Amino acid sequence: QVQLVESGGGLVQAGGSLRLYCAASGSIFSIGVMGWYRQAPGKQRELVATITSGGSTNYADSVKGRFTISRDNAKNTMYLQMNSLKPEDTAVYYCAAGTLAYPRAYWGQGTQVTVSS
């Protein structure tokens, strides 16, 4: 089992920045890929970005150039640096982890990000 705990969400004005954190614990040796997902009210959960244990990254087109995903394997922590935030980035952001075959086997509880215009 893997436990994931997100933090770092909050309220920010458009154009501002936030950094999200996802701390992993448990059977972390099994994690091959981690990612950030978000869900806005009335919408489906969507991919924001993923990162493999080797450091390969993938981003949704809507956040490319504004968001940066990274991980510190020594600290068992994944980050999402969000710059130039827009009101449409408002959502609950979730951390997920798993193997390459099942990349979303584990989920965190989510952290709210609200961007005001």
C-alpha atoms as a PDB file:
ATOM      1  CA  GLN A   1       0.000   0.000   0.000  1.00  0.00           C
ATOM      2  CA  VAL A   2       1.032   3.570  -0.687  1.00  0.00           C
ATOM      3  CA  GLN A   3      -0.258   6.598   1.172  1.00  0.00           C
ATOM      4  CA  LEU A   4      -0.273  10.011  -0.492  1.00  0.00           C
ATOM      5  CA  VAL A   5      -0.816  13.342   1.238  1.00  0.00           C
ATOM      6  CA  GLU A   6      -1.160  16.583  -0.715  1.00  0.00           C
ATOM      7  CA  SER A   7      -0.578  20.085   0.608  1.00  0.00           C
ATOM      8  CA  GLY A   8       0.103  23.581  -0.656  1.00  0.00           C
ATOM      9  CA  GLY A   9      -3.259  24.522  -2.109  1.00  0.00           C
ATOM     10  CA  GLY A  10      -4.929  27.829  -1.430  1.00  0.00           C
ATOM     11  CA  LEU A  11      -6.382  31.022  -2.850  1.00  0.00           C
ATOM     12  CA  VAL A  12      -4.321  33.092  -5.276  1.00  0.00           C
ATOM     13  CA  GLN A  13      -4.991  35.882  -7.732  1.00  0.00           C
ATOM     14  CA  ALA A  14      -4.757  35.330 -11.455  1.00  0.00           C
ATOM     15  CA  GLY A  15      -1.155  35.543 -12.588  1.00  0.00           C
ATOM     16  CA  GLY A  16       0.119  34.301  -9.260  1.00  0.00           C
ATOM     17  CA  SER A  17       1.954  31.128  -8.286  1.00  0.00           C
ATOM     18  CA  LEU A  18       1.459  28.160  -5.981  1.00  0.00           C
ATOM     19  CA  ARG A  19       3.493  25.070  -5.234  1.00  0.00           C
ATOM     20  CA  LEU A  20       1.785  21.802  -4.444  1.00  0.00           C
ATOM     21  CA  TYR A  21       3.384  18.987  -2.510  1.00  0.00           C
ATOM     22  CA  CYS A  22       2.633  15.262  -2.462  1.00  0.00           C
ATOM     23  CA  ALA A  23       4.305  13.217   0.256  1.00  0.00           C
ATOM     24  CA  ALA A  24       4.389   9.457  -0.294  1.00  0.00           C
ATOM     25  CA  SER A  25       4.804   6.753   2.319  1.00  0.00           C
ATOM     26  CA  GLY A  26       4.373   2.997   2.558  1.00  0.00           C
ATOM     27  CA  SER A  27       5.453   0.675  -0.258  1.00  0.00           C
ATOM     28  CA  ILE A  28       7.090   3.471  -2.218  1.00  0.00           C
ATOM     29  CA  PHE A  29       9.537   1.082  -3.883  1.00  0.00           C
ATOM     30  CA  SER A  30       6.614  -0.016  -6.062  1.00  0.00           C
ATOM     31  CA  ILE A  31       5.999   3.456  -7.486  1.00  0.00           C
ATOM     32  CA  GLY A  32       6.998   3.809 -11.118  1.00  0.00           C
ATOM     33  CA  VAL A  33       5.028   6.901 -11.995  1.00  0.00           C
ATOM     34  CA  MET A  34       3.403   9.738 -10.098  1.00  0.00           C
ATOM     35  CA  GLY A  35       1.093  12.409 -11.333  1.00  0.00           C
ATOM     36  CA  TRP A  36      -1.133  15.357 -10.631  1.00  0.00           C
ATOM     37  CA  TYR A  37      -4.768  15.392 -11.664  1.00  0.00           C
ATOM     38  CA  ARG A  38      -7.482  17.975 -11.103  1.00  0.00           C
ATOM     39  CA  GLN A  39     -11.240  18.107 -10.961  1.00  0.00           C
ATOM     40  CA  ALA A  40     -13.246  21.283 -11.306  1.00  0.00           C
ATOM     41  CA  PRO A  41     -16.896  21.467 -10.180  1.00  0.00           C
ATOM     42  CA  GLY A  42     -19.157  19.720 -12.645  1.00  0.00           C
ATOM     43  CA  LYS A  43     -16.246  18.395 -14.693  1.00  0.00           C
ATOM     44  CA  GLN A  44     -14.415  15.111 -14.986  1.00  0.00           C
ATOM     45  CA  ARG A  45     -11.069  14.573 -13.338  1.00  0.00           C
ATOM     46  CA  GLU A  46      -8.280  15.338 -15.811  1.00  0.00           C
ATOM     47  CA  LEU A  47      -4.570  14.798 -16.130  1.00  0.00           C
ATOM     48  CA  VAL A  48      -2.330  17.742 -15.287  1.00  0.00           C
ATOM     49  CA  ALA A  49       1.142  16.194 -15.402  1.00  0.00           C
ATOM     50  CA  THR A  50       2.994  12.961 -14.737  1.00  0.00           C
ATOM     51  CA  ILE A  51       6.572  12.032 -13.918  1.00  0.00           C
ATOM     52  CA  THR A  52       8.246   8.640 -13.982  1.00  0.00           C
ATOM     53  CA  SER A  53      10.852   7.333 -11.571  1.00  0.00           C
ATOM     54  CA  GLY A  54      13.397   8.077 -14.287  1.00  0.00           C
ATOM     55  CA  GLY A  55      12.305  11.690 -14.520  1.00  0.00           C
ATOM     56  CA  SER A  56      10.357  11.630 -17.771  1.00  0.00           C
ATOM     57  CA  THR A  57       7.521  14.146 -17.704  1.00  0.00           C
ATOM     58  CA  ASN A  58       4.251  14.646 -19.517  1.00  0.00           C
ATOM     59  CA  TYR A  59       1.926  17.661 -19.372  1.00  0.00           C
ATOM     60  CA  ALA A  60      -1.582  18.531 -20.408  1.00  0.00           C
ATOM     61  CA  ASP A  61      -1.570  21.098 -23.204  1.00  0.00           C
ATOM     62  CA  SER A  62      -3.465  23.538 -20.992  1.00  0.00           C
ATOM     63  CA  VAL A  63      -0.599  23.789 -18.476  1.00  0.00           C
ATOM     64  CA  LYS A  64       2.476  23.447 -20.691  1.00  0.00           C
ATOM     65  CA  GLY A  65       4.896  26.286 -20.119  1.00  0.00           C
ATOM     66  CA  ARG A  66       3.178  27.312 -16.872  1.00  0.00           C
ATOM     67  CA  PHE A  67       3.379  24.244 -14.610  1.00  0.00           C
ATOM     68  CA  THR A  68       6.426  22.156 -13.711  1.00  0.00           C
ATOM     69  CA  ILE A  69       6.282  18.704 -12.143  1.00  0.00           C
ATOM     70  CA  SER A  70       9.257  17.336 -10.228  1.00  0.00           C
ATOM     71  CA  ARG A  71      10.067  14.774  -7.578  1.00  0.00           C
ATOM     72  CA  ASP A  72      12.655  14.285  -4.863  1.00  0.00           C
ATOM     73  CA  ASN A  73      13.099  10.547  -4.470  1.00  0.00           C
ATOM     74  CA  ALA A  74      15.208  10.993  -1.322  1.00  0.00           C
ATOM     75  CA  LYS A  75      12.316  12.846   0.330  1.00  0.00           C
ATOM     76  CA  ASN A  76       9.593  10.707  -1.272  1.00  0.00           C
ATOM     77  CA  THR A  77       7.909  13.903  -2.369  1.00  0.00           C
ATOM     78  CA  MET A  78       6.491  15.135  -5.647  1.00  0.00           C
ATOM     79  CA  TYR A  79       5.943  18.786  -6.464  1.00  0.00           C
ATOM     80  CA  LEU A  80       3.858  20.846  -8.843  1.00  0.00           C
ATOM     81  CA  GLN A  81       5.060  24.394  -9.394  1.00  0.00           C
ATOM     82  CA  MET A  82       2.197  26.401 -10.856  1.00  0.00           C
ATOM     83  CA  ASN A  83       2.949  29.806 -12.378  1.00  0.00           C
ATOM     84  CA  SER A  84       0.820  32.282 -14.323  1.00  0.00           C
ATOM     85  CA  LEU A  85      -2.296  30.800 -12.784  1.00  0.00           C
ATOM     86  CA  LYS A  86      -5.641  31.389 -14.465  1.00  0.00           C
ATOM     87  CA  PRO A  87      -9.179  31.224 -13.051  1.00  0.00           C
ATOM     88  CA  GLU A  88      -9.743  28.095 -15.145  1.00  0.00           C
ATOM     89  CA  ASP A  89      -7.033  26.360 -13.108  1.00  0.00           C
ATOM     90  CA  THR A  90      -9.412  26.401 -10.145  1.00  0.00           C
ATOM     91  CA  ALA A  91     -10.010  22.801  -9.062  1.00  0.00           C
ATOM     92  CA  VAL A  92      -9.255  20.179  -6.473  1.00  0.00           C
ATOM     93  CA  TYR A  93      -5.807  18.842  -7.277  1.00  0.00           C
ATOM     94  CA  TYR A  94      -5.080  15.189  -6.588  1.00  0.00           C
ATOM     95  CA  CYS A  95      -1.836  13.309  -6.369  1.00  0.00           C
ATOM     96  CA  ALA A  96      -1.751   9.784  -7.824  1.00  0.00           C
ATOM     97  CA  ALA A  97       0.868   7.062  -7.928  1.00  0.00           C
ATOM     98  CA  GLY A  98       1.305   3.589  -9.290  1.00  0.00           C
ATOM     99  CA  THR A  99       3.188   1.398 -11.683  1.00  0.00           C
ATOM    100  CA  LEU A 100       3.620   2.105 -15.367  1.00  0.00           C
ATOM    101  CA  ALA A 101       0.854  -0.423 -16.029  1.00  0.00           C
ATOM    102  CA  TYR A 102      -1.465   1.051 -13.376  1.00  0.00           C
ATOM    103  CA  PRO A 103      -0.364   4.672 -12.916  1.00  0.00           C
ATOM    104  CA  ARG A 104      -3.364   5.679 -10.787  1.00  0.00           C
ATOM    105  CA  ALA A 105      -3.423   2.801  -8.306  1.00  0.00           C
ATOM    106  CA  TYR A 106      -3.246   5.156  -5.333  1.00  0.00           C
ATOM    107  CA  TRP A 107      -4.792   8.572  -4.704  1.00  0.00           C
ATOM    108  CA  GLY A 108      -4.376  11.338  -2.200  1.00  0.00           C
ATOM    109  CA  GLN A 109      -7.274  13.186  -0.594  1.00  0.00           C
ATOM    110  CA  GLY A 110      -6.882  16.304  -2.756  1.00  0.00           C
ATOM    111  CA  THR A 111      -6.048  19.935  -2.127  1.00  0.00           C
ATOM    112  CA  GLN A 112      -8.145  22.896  -3.254  1.00  0.00           C
ATOM    113  CA  VAL A 113      -6.652  25.506  -5.574  1.00  0.00           C
ATOM    114  CA  THR A 114      -8.726  28.618  -6.206  1.00  0.00           C
ATOM    115  CA  VAL A 115      -7.628  31.319  -8.639  1.00  0.00           C
ATOM    116  CA  SER A 116      -9.518  34.587  -8.461  1.00  0.00           C
ATOM    117  CA  SER A 117      -9.840  36.930 -11.426  1.00  0.00           C
END
